[in-house]
PDB file of N, CA and C in Angstrom:
ATOM      1  N   MET A   1     -17.494 126.759  68.848  1.00  0.00           N
ATOM      2  CA  MET A   1     -18.149 128.005  69.209  1.00  0.00           C
ATOM      3  C   MET A   1     -19.670 127.870  69.094  1.00  0.00           C
ATOM      4  N   ILE A   2     -20.136 127.364  67.961  1.00  0.00           N
ATOM      5  CA  ILE A   2     -21.579 127.210  67.766  1.00  0.00           C
ATOM      6  C   ILE A   2     -22.152 126.216  68.761  1.00  0.00           C
ATOM      7  N   ALA A   3     -21.424 125.113  69.018  1.00  0.00           N
ATOM      8  CA  ALA A   3     -21.901 124.111  69.973  1.00  0.00           C
ATOM      9  C   ALA A   3     -22.087 124.737  71.355  1.00  0.00           C
ATOM     10  N   GLY A   4     -21.172 125.604  71.757  1.00  0.00           N
ATOM     11  CA  GLY A   4     -21.287 126.283  73.042  1.00  0.00           C
ATOM     12  C   GLY A   4     -22.496 127.197  73.105  1.00  0.00           C
ATOM     13  N   LEU A   5     -22.766 127.885  72.001  1.00  0.00           N
ATOM     14  CA  LEU A   5     -23.941 128.762  71.944  1.00  0.00           C
ATOM     15  C   LEU A   5     -25.229 127.949  72.021  1.00  0.00           C
ATOM     16  N   ILE A   6     -25.250 126.831  71.319  1.00  0.00           N
ATOM     17  CA  ILE A   6     -26.439 125.971  71.342  1.00  0.00           C
ATOM     18  C   ILE A   6     -26.644 125.405  72.740  1.00  0.00           C
ATOM     19  N   ALA A   7     -25.574 124.934  73.365  1.00  0.00           N
ATOM     20  CA  ALA A   7     -25.671 124.389  74.723  1.00  0.00           C
ATOM     21  C   ALA A   7     -26.179 125.452  75.692  1.00  0.00           C
ATOM     22  N   ASN A   8     -25.674 126.671  75.569  1.00  0.00           N
ATOM     23  CA  ASN A   8     -26.111 127.763  76.434  1.00  0.00           C
ATOM     24  C   ASN A   8     -27.592 128.084  76.209  1.00  0.00           C
ATOM     25  N   ALA A   9     -27.989 128.114  74.960  1.00  0.00           N
ATOM     26  CA  ALA A   9     -29.405 128.393  74.643  1.00  0.00           C
ATOM     27  C   ALA A   9     -30.308 127.297  75.190  1.00  0.00           C
ATOM     28  N   LEU A  10     -29.893 126.036  75.065  1.00  0.00           N
ATOM     29  CA  LEU A  10     -30.690 124.926  75.595  1.00  0.00           C
ATOM     30  C   LEU A  10     -30.783 124.992  77.119  1.00  0.00           C
ATOM     31  N   GLU A  11     -29.691 125.346  77.754  1.00  0.00           N
ATOM     32  CA  GLU A  11     -29.700 125.457  79.212  1.00  0.00           C
ATOM     33  C   GLU A  11     -30.658 126.561  79.662  1.00  0.00           C
ATOM     34  N   GLN A  12     -30.622 127.695  78.999  1.00  0.00           N
ATOM     35  CA  GLN A  12     -31.540 128.788  79.341  1.00  0.00           C
ATOM     36  C   GLN A  12     -32.980 128.388  79.065  1.00  0.00           C
ATOM     37  N   TRP A  13     -33.218 127.732  77.935  1.00  0.00           N
ATOM     38  CA  TRP A  13     -34.578 127.303  77.581  1.00  0.00           C
ATOM     39  C   TRP A  13     -35.092 126.293  78.594  1.00  0.00           C
ATOM     40  N   SER A  14     -34.211 125.422  79.095  1.00  0.00           N
ATOM     41  CA  SER A  14     -34.641 124.362  80.016  1.00  0.00           C
ATOM     42  C   SER A  14     -35.226 124.913  81.306  1.00  0.00           C
ATOM     43  N   GLU A  15     -34.911 126.138  81.635  1.00  0.00           N
ATOM     44  CA  GLU A  15     -35.425 126.757  82.854  1.00  0.00           C
ATOM     45  C   GLU A  15     -36.804 127.378  82.660  1.00  0.00           C
ATOM     46  N   SER A  16     -37.331 127.339  81.461  1.00  0.00           N
ATOM     47  CA  SER A  16     -38.616 127.983  81.171  1.00  0.00           C
ATOM     48  C   SER A  16     -39.794 127.020  81.352  1.00  0.00           C
ATOM     49  N   ARG A  17     -40.953 127.585  81.552  1.00  0.00           N
ATOM     50  CA  ARG A  17     -42.192 126.792  81.640  1.00  0.00           C
ATOM     51  C   ARG A  17     -42.447 126.088  80.303  1.00  0.00           C
ATOM     52  N   GLU A  18     -42.118 126.747  79.210  1.00  0.00           N
ATOM     53  CA  GLU A  18     -42.293 126.150  77.878  1.00  0.00           C
ATOM     54  C   GLU A  18     -41.528 124.826  77.772  1.00  0.00           C
ATOM     55  N   ALA A  19     -40.317 124.778  78.296  1.00  0.00           N
ATOM     56  CA  ALA A  19     -39.518 123.546  78.245  1.00  0.00           C
ATOM     57  C   ALA A  19     -40.192 122.438  79.036  1.00  0.00           C
ATOM     58  N   GLN A  20     -40.715 122.765  80.207  1.00  0.00           N
ATOM     59  CA  GLN A  20     -41.408 121.770  81.035  1.00  0.00           C
ATOM     60  C   GLN A  20     -42.601 121.184  80.292  1.00  0.00           C
ATOM     61  N   GLU A  21     -43.314 122.021  79.551  1.00  0.00           N
ATOM     62  CA  GLU A  21     -44.500 121.555  78.834  1.00  0.00           C
ATOM     63  C   GLU A  21     -44.149 120.786  77.564  1.00  0.00           C
ATOM     64  N   LYS A  22     -43.033 121.126  76.931  1.00  0.00           N
ATOM     65  CA  LYS A  22     -42.685 120.514  75.646  1.00  0.00           C
ATOM     66  C   LYS A  22     -41.801 119.275  75.771  1.00  0.00           C
ATOM     67  N   LEU A  23     -41.079 119.132  76.890  1.00  0.00           N
ATOM     68  CA  LEU A  23     -40.206 117.970  77.046  1.00  0.00           C
ATOM     69  C   LEU A  23     -40.963 116.647  76.894  1.00  0.00           C
ATOM     70  N   PRO A  24     -42.107 116.457  77.560  1.00  0.00           N
ATOM     71  CA  PRO A  24     -42.822 115.186  77.378  1.00  0.00           C
ATOM     72  C   PRO A  24     -43.251 114.949  75.921  1.00  0.00           C
ATOM     73  N   ASP A  25     -43.618 115.993  75.224  1.00  0.00           N
ATOM     74  CA  ASP A  25     -43.997 115.849  73.815  1.00  0.00           C
ATOM     75  C   ASP A  25     -42.800 115.403  72.979  1.00  0.00           C
ATOM     76  N   LEU A  26     -41.643 115.975  73.242  1.00  0.00           N
ATOM     77  CA  LEU A  26     -40.430 115.575  72.532  1.00  0.00           C
ATOM     78  C   LEU A  26     -40.118 114.104  72.803  1.00  0.00           C
ATOM     79  N   VAL A  27     -40.205 113.696  74.066  1.00  0.00           N
ATOM     80  CA  VAL A  27     -39.930 112.296  74.416  1.00  0.00           C
ATOM     81  C   VAL A  27     -40.962 111.378  73.750  1.00  0.00           C
ATOM     82  N   ARG A  28     -42.227 111.762  73.757  1.00  0.00           N
ATOM     83  CA  ARG A  28     -43.270 110.961  73.069  1.00  0.00           C
ATOM     84  C   ARG A  28     -42.930 110.761  71.609  1.00  0.00           C
ATOM     85  N   ARG A  29     -42.514 111.832  70.944  1.00  0.00           N
ATOM     86  CA  ARG A  29     -42.179 111.744  69.511  1.00  0.00           C
ATOM     87  C   ARG A  29     -40.984 110.824  69.277  1.00  0.00           C
ATOM     88  N   LEU A  30     -39.990 110.903  70.153  1.00  0.00           N
ATOM     89  CA  LEU A  30     -38.829 110.027  70.024  1.00  0.00           C
ATOM     90  C   LEU A  30     -39.220 108.565  70.244  1.00  0.00           C
ATOM     91  N   LEU A  31     -40.067 108.315  71.231  1.00  0.00           N
ATOM     92  CA  LEU A  31     -40.532 106.955  71.473  1.00  0.00           C
ATOM     93  C   LEU A  31     -41.312 106.419  70.271  1.00  0.00           C
ATOM     94  N   ALA A  32     -42.205 107.232  69.749  1.00  0.00           N
ATOM     95  CA  ALA A  32     -43.031 106.812  68.611  1.00  0.00           C
ATOM     96  C   ALA A  32     -42.197 106.548  67.365  1.00  0.00           C
ATOM     97  N   ALA A  33     -41.070 107.223  67.229  1.00  0.00           N
ATOM     98  CA  ALA A  33     -40.228 107.061  66.042  1.00  0.00           C
ATOM     99  C   ALA A  33     -39.207 105.929  66.194  1.00  0.00           C
ATOM    100  N   SER A  34     -39.162 105.297  67.358  1.00  0.00           N
ATOM    101  CA  SER A  34     -38.174 104.254  67.620  1.00  0.00           C
ATOM    102  C   SER A  34     -38.587 102.930  66.985  1.00  0.00           C
ATOM    103  N   GLU A  35     -37.576 102.162  66.573  1.00  0.00           N
ATOM    104  CA  GLU A  35     -37.850 100.834  66.036  1.00  0.00           C
ATOM    105  C   GLU A  35     -38.266  99.926  67.174  1.00  0.00           C
ATOM    106  N   GLY A  36     -39.194  99.055  66.898  1.00  0.00           N
ATOM    107  CA  GLY A  36     -39.757  98.164  67.901  1.00  0.00           C
ATOM    108  C   GLY A  36     -41.258  98.376  67.928  1.00  0.00           C
ATOM    109  N   GLU A  37     -41.925  97.624  68.780  1.00  0.00           N
ATOM    110  CA  GLU A  37     -43.388  97.725  68.874  1.00  0.00           C
ATOM    111  C   GLU A  37     -43.762  98.566  70.086  1.00  0.00           C
ATOM    112  N   LEU A  38     -44.294  99.728  69.823  1.00  0.00           N
ATOM    113  CA  LEU A  38     -44.795 100.597  70.882  1.00  0.00           C
ATOM    114  C   LEU A  38     -46.257 100.242  71.086  1.00  0.00           C
ATOM    115  N   GLN A  39     -46.519  99.445  72.105  1.00  0.00           N
ATOM    116  CA  GLN A  39     -47.866  98.929  72.345  1.00  0.00           C
ATOM    117  C   GLN A  39     -48.744  99.946  73.068  1.00  0.00           C
ATOM    118  N   TYR A  40     -48.149 100.730  73.961  1.00  0.00           N
ATOM    119  CA  TYR A  40     -48.921 101.696  74.735  1.00  0.00           C
ATOM    120  C   TYR A  40     -48.016 102.878  75.092  1.00  0.00           C
ATOM    121  N   LEU A  41     -48.572 104.071  75.020  1.00  0.00           N
ATOM    122  CA  LEU A  41     -47.813 105.274  75.360  1.00  0.00           C
ATOM    123  C   LEU A  41     -48.752 106.306  75.966  1.00  0.00           C
ATOM    124  N   SER A  42     -48.473 106.677  77.206  1.00  0.00           N
ATOM    125  CA  SER A  42     -49.211 107.744  77.877  1.00  0.00           C
ATOM    126  C   SER A  42     -48.184 108.670  78.503  1.00  0.00           C
ATOM    127  N   MET A  43     -48.145 109.908  78.018  1.00  0.00           N
ATOM    128  CA  MET A  43     -47.170 110.875  78.512  1.00  0.00           C
ATOM    129  C   MET A  43     -47.756 112.274  78.319  1.00  0.00           C
ATOM    130  N   PRO A  44     -48.517 112.760  79.310  1.00  0.00           N
ATOM    131  CA  PRO A  44     -49.133 114.077  79.175  1.00  0.00           C
ATOM    132  C   PRO A  44     -48.104 115.182  78.959  1.00  0.00           C
ATOM    133  N   ALA A  45     -48.461 116.131  78.111  1.00  0.00           N
ATOM    134  CA  ALA A  45     -47.594 117.272  77.812  1.00  0.00           C
ATOM    135  C   ALA A  45     -48.434 118.545  77.877  1.00  0.00           C
ATOM    136  N   GLY A  46     -47.796 119.655  77.599  1.00  0.00           N
ATOM    137  CA  GLY A  46     -48.505 120.936  77.590  1.00  0.00           C
ATOM    138  C   GLY A  46     -49.035 121.288  78.967  1.00  0.00           C
ATOM    139  N   THR A  47     -50.259 121.760  79.010  1.00  0.00           N
ATOM    140  CA  THR A  47     -50.843 122.175  80.283  1.00  0.00           C
ATOM    141  C   THR A  47     -51.244 120.992  81.157  1.00  0.00           C
ATOM    142  N   SER A  48     -51.099 119.774  80.665  1.00  0.00           N
ATOM    143  CA  SER A  48     -51.451 118.574  81.436  1.00  0.00           C
ATOM    144  C   SER A  48     -50.289 118.041  82.274  1.00  0.00           C
ATOM    145  N   ILE A  49     -49.151 118.708  82.284  1.00  0.00           N
ATOM    146  CA  ILE A  49     -47.975 118.169  82.969  1.00  0.00           C
ATOM    147  C   ILE A  49     -48.111 118.146  84.484  1.00  0.00           C
ATOM    148  N   ASN A  50     -49.041 118.872  85.039  1.00  0.00           N
ATOM    149  CA  ASN A  50     -49.178 118.921  86.500  1.00  0.00           C
ATOM    150  C   ASN A  50     -50.110 117.869  87.060  1.00  0.00           C
ATOM    151  N   GLN A  51     -50.504 116.903  86.256  1.00  0.00           N
ATOM    152  CA  GLN A  51     -51.360 115.827  86.746  1.00  0.00           C
ATOM    153  C   GLN A  51     -50.581 114.989  87.753  1.00  0.00           C
ATOM    154  N   PRO A  52     -51.258 114.480  88.782  1.00  0.00           N
ATOM    155  CA  PRO A  52     -50.547 113.636  89.747  1.00  0.00           C
ATOM    156  C   PRO A  52     -50.149 112.300  89.112  1.00  0.00           C
ATOM    157  N   GLY A  53     -49.159 111.685  89.678  1.00  0.00           N
ATOM    158  CA  GLY A  53     -48.725 110.373  89.206  1.00  0.00           C
ATOM    159  C   GLY A  53     -47.470 110.451  88.364  1.00  0.00           C
ATOM    160  N   VAL A  54     -47.195 109.350  87.689  1.00  0.00           N
ATOM    161  CA  VAL A  54     -45.978 109.255  86.883  1.00  0.00           C
ATOM    162  C   VAL A  54     -46.073 110.189  85.685  1.00  0.00           C
ATOM    163  N   ASP A  55     -44.915 110.553  85.142  1.00  0.00           N
ATOM    164  CA  ASP A  55     -44.885 111.444  83.980  1.00  0.00           C
ATOM    165  C   ASP A  55     -45.186 110.701  82.689  1.00  0.00           C
ATOM    166  N   GLY A  56     -44.958 109.401  82.687  1.00  0.00           N
ATOM    167  CA  GLY A  56     -45.245 108.628  81.487  1.00  0.00           C
ATOM    168  C   GLY A  56     -45.329 107.150  81.788  1.00  0.00           C
ATOM    169  N   ARG A  57     -46.049 106.461  80.944  1.00  0.00           N
ATOM    170  CA  ARG A  57     -46.164 105.011  81.033  1.00  0.00           C
ATOM    171  C   ARG A  57     -46.024 104.472  79.627  1.00  0.00           C
ATOM    172  N   VAL A  58     -45.168 103.464  79.464  1.00  0.00           N
ATOM    173  CA  VAL A  58     -44.846 102.937  78.144  1.00  0.00           C
ATOM    174  C   VAL A  58     -44.869 101.411  78.192  1.00  0.00           C
ATOM    175  N   ILE A  59     -45.426 100.813  77.159  1.00  0.00           N
ATOM    176  CA  ILE A  59     -45.267  99.369  76.949  1.00  0.00           C
ATOM    177  C   ILE A  59     -44.629  99.222  75.581  1.00  0.00           C
ATOM    178  N   PHE A  60     -43.406  98.714  75.585  1.00  0.00           N
ATOM    179  CA  PHE A  60     -42.593  98.626  74.384  1.00  0.00           C
ATOM    180  C   PHE A  60     -42.018  97.222  74.270  1.00  0.00           C
ATOM    181  N   HIS A  61     -42.011  96.704  73.061  1.00  0.00           N
ATOM    182  CA  HIS A  61     -41.417  95.398  72.825  1.00  0.00           C
ATOM    183  C   HIS A  61     -40.379  95.532  71.731  1.00  0.00           C
ATOM    184  N   GLY A  62     -39.168  95.157  72.066  1.00  0.00           N
ATOM    185  CA  GLY A  62     -38.079  95.231  71.121  1.00  0.00           C
ATOM    186  C   GLY A  62     -36.767  95.457  71.851  1.00  0.00           C
ATOM    187  N   ILE A  63     -35.711  95.547  71.084  1.00  0.00           N
ATOM    188  CA  ILE A  63     -34.384  95.788  71.644  1.00  0.00           C
ATOM    189  C   ILE A  63     -34.001  97.225  71.311  1.00  0.00           C
ATOM    190  N   HIS A  64     -33.818  98.016  72.354  1.00  0.00           N
ATOM    191  CA  HIS A  64     -33.484  99.424  72.177  1.00  0.00           C
ATOM    192  C   HIS A  64     -32.562  99.831  73.324  1.00  0.00           C
ATOM    193  N   PRO A  65     -31.534 100.627  73.054  1.00  0.00           N
ATOM    194  CA  PRO A  65     -30.608 100.984  74.130  1.00  0.00           C
ATOM    195  C   PRO A  65     -31.191 101.904  75.205  1.00  0.00           C
ATOM    196  N   PHE A  66     -32.294 102.589  74.922  1.00  0.00           N
ATOM    197  CA  PHE A  66     -32.829 103.555  75.874  1.00  0.00           C
ATOM    198  C   PHE A  66     -34.268 103.281  76.306  1.00  0.00           C
ATOM    199  N   ILE A  67     -34.898 102.276  75.736  1.00  0.00           N
ATOM    200  CA  ILE A  67     -36.287 101.967  76.070  1.00  0.00           C
ATOM    201  C   ILE A  67     -36.345 100.543  76.599  1.00  0.00           C
ATOM    202  N   PRO A  68     -36.766 100.370  77.859  1.00  0.00           N
ATOM    203  CA  PRO A  68     -36.841  99.016  78.404  1.00  0.00           C
ATOM    204  C   PRO A  68     -37.886  98.173  77.663  1.00  0.00           C
ATOM    205  N   ASP A  69     -37.593  96.899  77.512  1.00  0.00           N
ATOM    206  CA  ASP A  69     -38.549  95.974  76.921  1.00  0.00           C
ATOM    207  C   ASP A  69     -39.639  95.703  77.951  1.00  0.00           C
ATOM    208  N   GLY A  70     -40.881  95.793  77.537  1.00  0.00           N
ATOM    209  CA  GLY A  70     -41.996  95.567  78.441  1.00  0.00           C
ATOM    210  C   GLY A  70     -42.574  96.869  78.954  1.00  0.00           C
ATOM    211  N   GLU A  71     -43.145  96.795  80.140  1.00  0.00           N
ATOM    212  CA  GLU A  71     -43.838  97.941  80.735  1.00  0.00           C
ATOM    213  C   GLU A  71     -42.865  98.764  81.570  1.00  0.00           C
ATOM    214  N   SER A  72     -42.927 100.085  81.432  1.00  0.00           N
ATOM    215  CA  SER A  72     -42.063 100.958  82.217  1.00  0.00           C
ATOM    216  C   SER A  72     -42.786 102.256  82.538  1.00  0.00           C
ATOM    217  N   ILE A  73     -42.355 102.873  83.626  1.00  0.00           N
ATOM    218  CA  ILE A  73     -42.858 104.202  83.956  1.00  0.00           C
ATOM    219  C   ILE A  73     -41.715 105.184  83.748  1.00  0.00           C
ATOM    220  N   TRP A  74     -42.074 106.410  83.422  1.00  0.00           N
ATOM    221  CA  TRP A  74     -41.079 107.429  83.083  1.00  0.00           C
ATOM    222  C   TRP A  74     -41.298 108.659  83.947  1.00  0.00           C
ATOM    223  N   GLU A  75     -40.199 109.217  84.409  1.00  0.00           N
ATOM    224  CA  GLU A  75     -40.192 110.489  85.125  1.00  0.00           C
ATOM    225  C   GLU A  75     -39.231 111.407  84.389  1.00  0.00           C
ATOM    226  N   MET A  76     -39.551 112.659  84.326  1.00  0.00           N
ATOM    227  CA  MET A  76     -38.672 113.622  83.660  1.00  0.00           C
ATOM    228  C   MET A  76     -38.844 114.987  84.298  1.00  0.00           C
ATOM    229  N   GLY A  77     -37.914 115.861  84.022  1.00  0.00           N
ATOM    230  CA  GLY A  77     -38.000 117.200  84.568  1.00  0.00           C
ATOM    231  C   GLY A  77     -36.920 118.097  83.986  1.00  0.00           C
ATOM    232  N   CYS A  78     -37.054 119.355  84.264  1.00  0.00           N
ATOM    233  CA  CYS A  78     -36.121 120.361  83.753  1.00  0.00           C
ATOM    234  C   CYS A  78     -35.376 121.050  84.887  1.00  0.00           C
ATOM    235  N   THR A  79     -35.307 120.408  86.048  1.00  0.00           N
ATOM    236  CA  THR A  79     -34.638 121.028  87.186  1.00  0.00           C
ATOM    237  C   THR A  79     -33.126 120.953  87.038  1.00  0.00           C
ATOM    238  N   LYS A  80     -32.441 121.894  87.654  1.00  0.00           N
ATOM    239  CA  LYS A  80     -30.979 121.904  87.597  1.00  0.00           C
ATOM    240  C   LYS A  80     -30.381 120.798  88.456  1.00  0.00           C
ATOM    241  N   ASP A  81     -31.005 120.487  89.583  1.00  0.00           N
ATOM    242  CA  ASP A  81     -30.474 119.469  90.489  1.00  0.00           C
ATOM    243  C   ASP A  81     -31.008 118.102  90.070  1.00  0.00           C
ATOM    244  N   VAL A  82     -30.336 117.504  89.120  1.00  0.00           N
ATOM    245  CA  VAL A  82     -30.766 116.234  88.536  1.00  0.00           C
ATOM    246  C   VAL A  82     -30.778 115.128  89.587  1.00  0.00           C
ATOM    247  N   SER A  83     -29.762 115.074  90.431  1.00  0.00           N
ATOM    248  CA  SER A  83     -29.672 114.014  91.443  1.00  0.00           C
ATOM    249  C   SER A  83     -30.844 114.083  92.418  1.00  0.00           C
ATOM    250  N   GLU A  84     -31.161 115.271  92.865  1.00  0.00           N
ATOM    251  CA  GLU A  84     -32.276 115.421  93.811  1.00  0.00           C
ATOM    252  C   GLU A  84     -33.594 114.990  93.164  1.00  0.00           C
ATOM    253  N   LYS A  85     -33.830 115.409  91.935  1.00  0.00           N
ATOM    254  CA  LYS A  85     -35.054 115.036  91.213  1.00  0.00           C
ATOM    255  C   LYS A  85     -35.119 113.519  91.042  1.00  0.00           C
ATOM    256  N   ALA A  86     -34.024 112.909  90.613  1.00  0.00           N
ATOM    257  CA  ALA A  86     -34.006 111.465  90.393  1.00  0.00           C
ATOM    258  C   ALA A  86     -34.235 110.706  91.699  1.00  0.00           C
ATOM    259  N   ASN A  87     -33.581 111.128  92.763  1.00  0.00           N
ATOM    260  CA  ASN A  87     -33.750 110.452  94.054  1.00  0.00           C
ATOM    261  C   ASN A  87     -35.166 110.607  94.597  1.00  0.00           C
ATOM    262  N   ASP A  88     -35.732 111.815  94.491  1.00  0.00           N
ATOM    263  CA  ASP A  88     -37.110 112.034  94.933  1.00  0.00           C
ATOM    264  C   ASP A  88     -38.086 111.163  94.151  1.00  0.00           C
ATOM    265  N   ASP A  89     -37.948 111.146  92.825  1.00  0.00           N
ATOM    266  CA  ASP A  89     -38.833 110.329  91.994  1.00  0.00           C
ATOM    267  C   ASP A  89     -38.677 108.849  92.324  1.00  0.00           C
ATOM    268  N   TYR A  90     -37.444 108.405  92.516  1.00  0.00           N
ATOM    269  CA  TYR A  90     -37.197 106.994  92.830  1.00  0.00           C
ATOM    270  C   TYR A  90     -37.877 106.610  94.142  1.00  0.00           C
ATOM    271  N   ARG A  91     -37.726 107.446  95.178  1.00  0.00           N
ATOM    272  CA  ARG A  91     -38.364 107.160  96.464  1.00  0.00           C
ATOM    273  C   ARG A  91     -39.889 107.116  96.330  1.00  0.00           C
ATOM    274  N   LYS A  92     -40.452 108.082  95.616  1.00  0.00           N
ATOM    275  CA  LYS A  92     -41.913 108.116  95.429  1.00  0.00           C
ATOM    276  C   LYS A  92     -42.419 106.866  94.724  1.00  0.00           C
ATOM    277  N   ARG A  93     -41.758 106.505  93.637  1.00  0.00           N
ATOM    278  CA  ARG A  93     -42.265 105.403  92.813  1.00  0.00           C
ATOM    279  C   ARG A  93     -41.999 104.037  93.411  1.00  0.00           C
ATOM    280  N   THR A  94     -40.896 103.858  94.138  1.00  0.00           N
ATOM    281  CA  THR A  94     -40.681 102.559  94.770  1.00  0.00           C
ATOM    282  C   THR A  94     -41.673 102.347  95.907  1.00  0.00           C
ATOM    283  N   ALA A  95     -42.104 103.427  96.546  1.00  0.00           N
ATOM    284  CA  ALA A  95     -43.150 103.314  97.569  1.00  0.00           C
ATOM    285  C   ALA A  95     -44.508 103.054  96.917  1.00  0.00           C
ATOM    286  N   GLN A  96     -44.743 103.681  95.781  1.00  0.00           N
ATOM    287  CA  GLN A  96     -46.024 103.552  95.081  1.00  0.00           C
ATOM    288  C   GLN A  96     -46.177 102.188  94.411  1.00  0.00           C
ATOM    289  N   PHE A  97     -45.082 101.667  93.862  1.00  0.00           N
ATOM    290  CA  PHE A  97     -45.106 100.402  93.143  1.00  0.00           C
ATOM    291  C   PHE A  97     -44.132  99.432  93.802  1.00  0.00           C
ATOM    292  N   PRO A  98     -44.544  98.764  94.898  1.00  0.00           N
ATOM    293  CA  PRO A  98     -43.642  97.821  95.556  1.00  0.00           C
ATOM    294  C   PRO A  98     -43.167  96.742  94.565  1.00  0.00           C
ATOM    295  N   GLN A  99     -41.991  96.214  94.829  1.00  0.00           N
ATOM    296  CA  GLN A  99     -41.376  95.225  93.936  1.00  0.00           C
ATOM    297  C   GLN A  99     -42.355  94.089  93.658  1.00  0.00           C
ATOM    298  N   GLY A 100     -42.472  93.769  92.380  1.00  0.00           N
ATOM    299  CA  GLY A 100     -43.353  92.690  91.969  1.00  0.00           C
ATOM    300  C   GLY A 100     -44.735  93.144  91.550  1.00  0.00           C
ATOM    301  N   ASN A 101     -45.131  94.367  91.923  1.00  0.00           N
ATOM    302  CA  ASN A 101     -46.450  94.875  91.517  1.00  0.00           C
ATOM    303  C   ASN A 101     -46.345  95.541  90.156  1.00  0.00           C
ATOM    304  N   ARG A 102     -47.282  95.227  89.311  1.00  0.00           N
ATOM    305  CA  ARG A 102     -47.319  95.860  87.994  1.00  0.00           C
ATOM    306  C   ARG A 102     -47.961  97.230  88.117  1.00  0.00           C
ATOM    307  N   ILE A 103     -47.714  98.029  87.131  1.00  0.00           N
ATOM    308  CA  ILE A 103     -48.252  99.388  87.085  1.00  0.00           C
ATOM    309  C   ILE A 103     -49.742  99.338  86.853  1.00  0.00           C
TER     310      ILE A 103
END
């Protein structure tokens, strides 16, 4: 029962502007708290989320199930249509960063 209430509250919160602004901050904190060497982290949050370009850039060294080793770019969002967001971001970034080009 409580899990359902929490899930419902999170779903409602995810539709808010506050969630859009705080999600990158939450991800930054999780990255910073992860074991491994976080060499570089850029992930604007708050009122800076509307900047053009990728949502985040990370250089991480280590073995982690959710963080790629080396340089990576991150996209995130709070939209309901996850597939559409992921496909749009993938098309944008593969055009922006052709295979073999570093960020």
